[in-house]
């Protein structure tokens, strides 16, 4: 396949990667509220925020 803009030949893996990136959306992290691009199910921007969200959820269950 060829890039329609620069006519560079794309490998199969590059095409797959581009198609997967189209399935991602810009959203805000539920913990730090910074914008990030993630999959449909992503709620946090990083593993650090994911861990913090887990700790917050667990502490809320205890109290």
PDB file of N, CA and C in Angstrom:
ATOM      1  N   UNK A   1       0.844  -1.174   0.000  1.00  0.00           N
ATOM      2  CA  UNK A   1       0.000   0.000   0.000  1.00  0.00           C
ATOM      3  C   UNK A   1       0.891   1.240   0.000  1.00  0.00           C
ATOM      4  N   UNK A   2       0.367   2.311  -0.543  1.00  0.00           N
ATOM      5  CA  UNK A   2       1.140   3.538  -0.690  1.00  0.00           C
ATOM      6  C   UNK A   2       0.466   4.680   0.060  1.00  0.00           C
ATOM      7  N   UNK A   3       1.270   5.502   0.724  1.00  0.00           N
ATOM      8  CA  UNK A   3       0.750   6.676   1.427  1.00  0.00           C
ATOM      9  C   UNK A   3       0.189   7.645   0.387  1.00  0.00           C
ATOM     10  N   UNK A   4      -1.054   8.108   0.565  1.00  0.00           N
ATOM     11  CA  UNK A   4      -1.647   9.009  -0.424  1.00  0.00           C
ATOM     12  C   UNK A   4      -1.009  10.394  -0.443  1.00  0.00           C
ATOM     13  N   UNK A   5      -0.258  10.745   0.583  1.00  0.00           N
ATOM     14  CA  UNK A   5       0.322  12.086   0.672  1.00  0.00           C
ATOM     15  C   UNK A   5       1.756  12.144   0.156  1.00  0.00           C
ATOM     16  N   UNK A   6       2.590  11.197   0.612  1.00  0.00           N
ATOM     17  CA  UNK A   6       4.006  11.281   0.238  1.00  0.00           C
ATOM     18  C   UNK A   6       4.436  10.166  -0.717  1.00  0.00           C
ATOM     19  N   UNK A   7       3.521   9.272  -1.059  1.00  0.00           N
ATOM     20  CA  UNK A   7       3.774   8.154  -1.980  1.00  0.00           C
ATOM     21  C   UNK A   7       4.798   7.153  -1.430  1.00  0.00           C
ATOM     22  N   UNK A   8       5.027   7.181  -0.104  1.00  0.00           N
ATOM     23  CA  UNK A   8       5.929   6.232   0.552  1.00  0.00           C
ATOM     24  C   UNK A   8       5.228   4.879   0.634  1.00  0.00           C
ATOM     25  N   UNK A   9       5.945   3.833   0.341  1.00  0.00           N
ATOM     26  CA  UNK A   9       5.385   2.493   0.412  1.00  0.00           C
ATOM     27  C   UNK A   9       5.252   2.062   1.871  1.00  0.00           C
ATOM     28  N   UNK A  10       4.059   1.610   2.258  1.00  0.00           N
ATOM     29  CA  UNK A  10       3.793   1.199   3.634  1.00  0.00           C
ATOM     30  C   UNK A  10       3.795  -0.321   3.744  1.00  0.00           C
ATOM     31  N   UNK A  11       4.392  -0.814   4.822  1.00  0.00           N
ATOM     32  CA  UNK A  11       4.365  -2.255   5.074  1.00  0.00           C
ATOM     33  C   UNK A  11       3.014  -2.622   5.675  1.00  0.00           C
ATOM     34  N   UNK A  12       2.737  -3.917   5.714  1.00  0.00           N
ATOM     35  CA  UNK A  12       1.482  -4.401   6.285  1.00  0.00           C
ATOM     36  C   UNK A  12       1.347  -3.969   7.744  1.00  0.00           C
ATOM     37  N   UNK A  13       2.435  -4.084   8.515  1.00  0.00           N
ATOM     38  CA  UNK A  13       2.368  -3.718   9.936  1.00  0.00           C
ATOM     39  C   UNK A  13       2.127  -2.220  10.116  1.00  0.00           C
ATOM     40  N   UNK A  14       2.660  -1.397   9.230  1.00  0.00           N
ATOM     41  CA  UNK A  14       2.416   0.045   9.304  1.00  0.00           C
ATOM     42  C   UNK A  14       0.952   0.364   9.013  1.00  0.00           C
ATOM     43  N   UNK A  15       0.377  -0.331   8.046  1.00  0.00           N
ATOM     44  CA  UNK A  15      -1.033  -0.131   7.712  1.00  0.00           C
ATOM     45  C   UNK A  15      -1.907  -0.539   8.894  1.00  0.00           C
ATOM     46  N   UNK A  16      -1.608  -1.687   9.499  1.00  0.00           N
ATOM     47  CA  UNK A  16      -2.371  -2.157  10.657  1.00  0.00           C
ATOM     48  C   UNK A  16      -2.257  -1.158  11.801  1.00  0.00           C
ATOM     49  N   UNK A  17      -1.061  -0.646  12.041  1.00  0.00           N
ATOM     50  CA  UNK A  17      -0.841   0.329  13.107  1.00  0.00           C
ATOM     51  C   UNK A  17      -1.647   1.603  12.858  1.00  0.00           C
ATOM     52  N   UNK A  18      -1.662   2.073  11.636  1.00  0.00           N
ATOM     53  CA  UNK A  18      -2.430   3.273  11.303  1.00  0.00           C
ATOM     54  C   UNK A  18      -3.927   3.051  11.494  1.00  0.00           C
ATOM     55  N   UNK A  19      -4.414   1.888  11.092  1.00  0.00           N
ATOM     56  CA  UNK A  19      -5.833   1.589  11.250  1.00  0.00           C
ATOM     57  C   UNK A  19      -6.214   1.503  12.724  1.00  0.00           C
ATOM     58  N   UNK A  20      -5.338   0.926  13.539  1.00  0.00           N
ATOM     59  CA  UNK A  20      -5.606   0.840  14.978  1.00  0.00           C
ATOM     60  C   UNK A  20      -5.614   2.219  15.610  1.00  0.00           C
ATOM     61  N   UNK A  21      -4.740   3.113  15.143  1.00  0.00           N
ATOM     62  CA  UNK A  21      -4.685   4.457  15.720  1.00  0.00           C
ATOM     63  C   UNK A  21      -5.959   5.243  15.414  1.00  0.00           C
ATOM     64  N   UNK A  22      -6.637   4.906  14.327  1.00  0.00           N
ATOM     65  CA  UNK A  22      -7.889   5.578  13.998  1.00  0.00           C
ATOM     66  C   UNK A  22      -8.981   5.221  14.996  1.00  0.00           C
ATOM     67  N   UNK A  23      -8.822   4.067  15.665  1.00  0.00           N
ATOM     68  CA  UNK A  23      -9.815   3.583  16.606  1.00  0.00           C
ATOM     69  C   UNK A  23      -9.646   4.211  17.990  1.00  0.00           C
ATOM     70  N   UNK A  24      -8.627   5.044  18.155  1.00  0.00           N
ATOM     71  CA  UNK A  24      -8.361   5.656  19.454  1.00  0.00           C
ATOM     72  C   UNK A  24      -8.961   7.052  19.497  1.00  0.00           C
ATOM     73  N   UNK A  25      -9.254   7.495  20.698  1.00  0.00           N
ATOM     74  CA  UNK A  25      -9.903   8.793  20.847  1.00  0.00           C
ATOM     75  C   UNK A  25      -9.159   9.666  21.840  1.00  0.00           C
ATOM     76  N   UNK A  26      -9.295  10.975  21.672  1.00  0.00           N
ATOM     77  CA  UNK A  26      -8.718  11.916  22.627  1.00  0.00           C
ATOM     78  C   UNK A  26      -9.689  12.029  23.795  1.00  0.00           C
ATOM     79  N   UNK A  27      -9.165  11.872  25.002  1.00  0.00           N
ATOM     80  CA  UNK A  27      -9.992  11.949  26.197  1.00  0.00           C
ATOM     81  C   UNK A  27      -9.182  12.496  27.342  1.00  0.00           C
ATOM     82  N   UNK A  28      -9.829  12.760  28.466  1.00  0.00           N
ATOM     83  CA  UNK A  28      -9.149  13.278  29.651  1.00  0.00           C
ATOM     84  C   UNK A  28      -8.990  12.166  30.675  1.00  0.00           C
ATOM     85  N   UNK A  29      -7.836  12.128  31.306  1.00  0.00           N
ATOM     86  CA  UNK A  29      -7.536  11.149  32.346  1.00  0.00           C
ATOM     87  C   UNK A  29      -8.477  11.378  33.529  1.00  0.00           C
ATOM     88  N   UNK A  30      -9.054  10.307  34.066  1.00  0.00           N
ATOM     89  CA  UNK A  30      -9.979  10.427  35.187  1.00  0.00           C
ATOM     90  C   UNK A  30      -9.272  10.775  36.493  1.00  0.00           C
ATOM     91  N   UNK A  31      -7.957  10.624  36.545  1.00  0.00           N
ATOM     92  CA  UNK A  31      -7.219  10.897  37.775  1.00  0.00           C
ATOM     93  C   UNK A  31      -6.573  12.279  37.736  1.00  0.00           C
ATOM     94  N   UNK A  32      -5.720  12.537  36.736  1.00  0.00           N
ATOM     95  CA  UNK A  32      -4.987  13.810  36.689  1.00  0.00           C
ATOM     96  C   UNK A  32      -5.635  14.837  35.754  1.00  0.00           C
ATOM     97  N   UNK A  33      -6.639  14.417  34.994  1.00  0.00           N
ATOM     98  CA  UNK A  33      -7.412  15.281  34.096  1.00  0.00           C
ATOM     99  C   UNK A  33      -6.609  15.841  32.926  1.00  0.00           C
ATOM    100  N   UNK A  34      -5.457  15.254  32.632  1.00  0.00           N
ATOM    101  CA  UNK A  34      -4.678  15.670  31.465  1.00  0.00           C
ATOM    102  C   UNK A  34      -5.230  14.970  30.224  1.00  0.00           C
ATOM    103  N   UNK A  35      -5.202  15.642  29.074  1.00  0.00           N
ATOM    104  CA  UNK A  35      -5.668  14.989  27.849  1.00  0.00           C
ATOM    105  C   UNK A  35      -4.677  13.921  27.383  1.00  0.00           C
ATOM    106  N   UNK A  36      -5.216  12.836  26.818  1.00  0.00           N
ATOM    107  CA  UNK A  36      -4.377  11.780  26.263  1.00  0.00           C
ATOM    108  C   UNK A  36      -5.146  11.076  25.158  1.00  0.00           C
ATOM    109  N   UNK A  37      -4.430  10.337  24.337  1.00  0.00           N
ATOM    110  CA  UNK A  37      -5.051   9.552  23.277  1.00  0.00           C
ATOM    111  C   UNK A  37      -4.978   8.099  23.699  1.00  0.00           C
ATOM    112  N   UNK A  38      -6.122   7.451  23.785  1.00  0.00           N
ATOM    113  CA  UNK A  38      -6.152   6.073  24.245  1.00  0.00           C
ATOM    114  C   UNK A  38      -7.229   5.265  23.556  1.00  0.00           C
ATOM    115  N   UNK A  39      -7.281   4.002  23.903  1.00  0.00           N
ATOM    116  CA  UNK A  39      -8.278   3.106  23.324  1.00  0.00           C
ATOM    117  C   UNK A  39      -9.668   3.467  23.849  1.00  0.00           C
ATOM    118  N   UNK A  40     -10.669   2.811  23.311  1.00  0.00           N
ATOM    119  CA  UNK A  40     -12.043   3.102  23.714  1.00  0.00           C
ATOM    120  C   UNK A  40     -12.250   2.882  25.203  1.00  0.00           C
ATOM    121  N   UNK A  41     -11.584   1.873  25.752  1.00  0.00           N
ATOM    122  CA  UNK A  41     -11.810   1.528  27.156  1.00  0.00           C
ATOM    123  C   UNK A  41     -10.858   2.227  28.127  1.00  0.00           C
ATOM    124  N   UNK A  42      -9.860   2.942  27.630  1.00  0.00           N
ATOM    125  CA  UNK A  42      -8.879   3.590  28.512  1.00  0.00           C
ATOM    126  C   UNK A  42      -9.534   4.699  29.330  1.00  0.00           C
ATOM    127  N   UNK A  43      -9.202   4.725  30.614  1.00  0.00           N
ATOM    128  CA  UNK A  43      -9.741   5.747  31.500  1.00  0.00           C
ATOM    129  C   UNK A  43      -8.642   6.613  32.095  1.00  0.00           C
ATOM    130  N   UNK A  44      -7.405   6.116  32.062  1.00  0.00           N
ATOM    131  CA  UNK A  44      -6.275   6.847  32.628  1.00  0.00           C
ATOM    132  C   UNK A  44      -5.168   6.971  31.589  1.00  0.00           C
ATOM    133  N   UNK A  45      -4.311   7.965  31.798  1.00  0.00           N
ATOM    134  CA  UNK A  45      -3.270   8.261  30.814  1.00  0.00           C
ATOM    135  C   UNK A  45      -2.003   7.437  31.009  1.00  0.00           C
ATOM    136  N   UNK A  46      -1.813   6.853  32.184  1.00  0.00           N
ATOM    137  CA  UNK A  46      -0.568   6.132  32.454  1.00  0.00           C
ATOM    138  C   UNK A  46      -0.796   5.056  33.502  1.00  0.00           C
ATOM    139  N   UNK A  47       0.204   4.212  33.667  1.00  0.00           N
ATOM    140  CA  UNK A  47       0.104   3.172  34.696  1.00  0.00           C
ATOM    141  C   UNK A  47       0.117   3.794  36.090  1.00  0.00           C
ATOM    142  N   UNK A  48       0.801   4.923  36.248  1.00  0.00           N
ATOM    143  CA  UNK A  48       0.812   5.604  37.549  1.00  0.00           C
ATOM    144  C   UNK A  48      -0.598   6.078  37.913  1.00  0.00           C
ATOM    145  N   UNK A  49      -1.298   6.666  36.965  1.00  0.00           N
ATOM    146  CA  UNK A  49      -2.668   7.117  37.229  1.00  0.00           C
ATOM    147  C   UNK A  49      -3.605   5.927  37.420  1.00  0.00           C
ATOM    148  N   UNK A  50      -3.377   4.849  36.684  1.00  0.00           N
ATOM    149  CA  UNK A  50      -4.186   3.646  36.851  1.00  0.00           C
ATOM    150  C   UNK A  50      -4.017   3.084  38.262  1.00  0.00           C
ATOM    151  N   UNK A  51      -2.782   3.067  38.759  1.00  0.00           N
ATOM    152  CA  UNK A  51      -2.508   2.588  40.119  1.00  0.00           C
ATOM    153  C   UNK A  51      -3.146   3.505  41.159  1.00  0.00           C
ATOM    154  N   UNK A  52      -3.065   4.802  40.931  1.00  0.00           N
ATOM    155  CA  UNK A  52      -3.655   5.761  41.868  1.00  0.00           C
ATOM    156  C   UNK A  52      -5.174   5.592  41.910  1.00  0.00           C
ATOM    157  N   UNK A  53      -5.794   5.376  40.755  1.00  0.00           N
ATOM    158  CA  UNK A  53      -7.240   5.158  40.696  1.00  0.00           C
ATOM    159  C   UNK A  53      -7.615   3.897  41.474  1.00  0.00           C
ATOM    160  N   UNK A  54      -6.809   2.856  41.355  1.00  0.00           N
ATOM    161  CA  UNK A  54      -7.050   1.607  42.086  1.00  0.00           C
ATOM    162  C   UNK A  54      -6.971   1.861  43.592  1.00  0.00           C
ATOM    163  N   UNK A  55      -5.946   2.584  44.028  1.00  0.00           N
ATOM    164  CA  UNK A  55      -5.794   2.870  45.458  1.00  0.00           C
ATOM    165  C   UNK A  55      -6.968   3.709  45.978  1.00  0.00           C
ATOM    166  N   UNK A  56      -7.438   4.648  45.178  1.00  0.00           N
ATOM    167  CA  UNK A  56      -8.585   5.474  45.574  1.00  0.00           C
ATOM    168  C   UNK A  56      -9.832   4.604  45.705  1.00  0.00           C
ATOM    169  N   UNK A  57     -10.056   3.719  44.718  1.00  0.00           N
ATOM    170  CA  UNK A  57     -11.223   2.836  44.778  1.00  0.00           C
ATOM    171  C   UNK A  57     -11.172   1.929  45.997  1.00  0.00           C
ATOM    172  N   UNK A  58     -10.010   1.367  46.276  1.00  0.00           N
ATOM    173  CA  UNK A  58      -9.865   0.442  47.401  1.00  0.00           C
ATOM    174  C   UNK A  58     -10.044   1.153  48.735  1.00  0.00           C
ATOM    175  N   UNK A  59      -9.542   2.372  48.870  1.00  0.00           N
ATOM    176  CA  UNK A  59      -9.699   3.099  50.136  1.00  0.00           C
ATOM    177  C   UNK A  59     -11.159   3.506  50.347  1.00  0.00           C
ATOM    178  N   UNK A  60     -11.889   3.742  49.271  1.00  0.00           N
ATOM    179  CA  UNK A  60     -13.302   4.100  49.384  1.00  0.00           C
ATOM    180  C   UNK A  60     -14.124   2.899  49.848  1.00  0.00           C
ATOM    181  N   UNK A  61     -13.713   1.682  49.493  1.00  0.00           N
ATOM    182  CA  UNK A  61     -14.432   0.477  49.904  1.00  0.00           C
ATOM    183  C   UNK A  61     -14.226   0.184  51.384  1.00  0.00           C
ATOM    184  N   UNK A  62     -13.074   0.537  51.913  1.00  0.00           N
ATOM    185  CA  UNK A  62     -12.748   0.253  53.309  1.00  0.00           C
ATOM    186  C   UNK A  62     -13.537   1.165  54.242  1.00  0.00           C
ATOM    187  N   UNK A  63     -13.696   2.424  53.871  1.00  0.00           N
ATOM    188  CA  UNK A  63     -14.351   3.400  54.753  1.00  0.00           C
ATOM    189  C   UNK A  63     -15.823   3.400  54.586  1.00  0.00           C
TER     190      UNK A  63
END
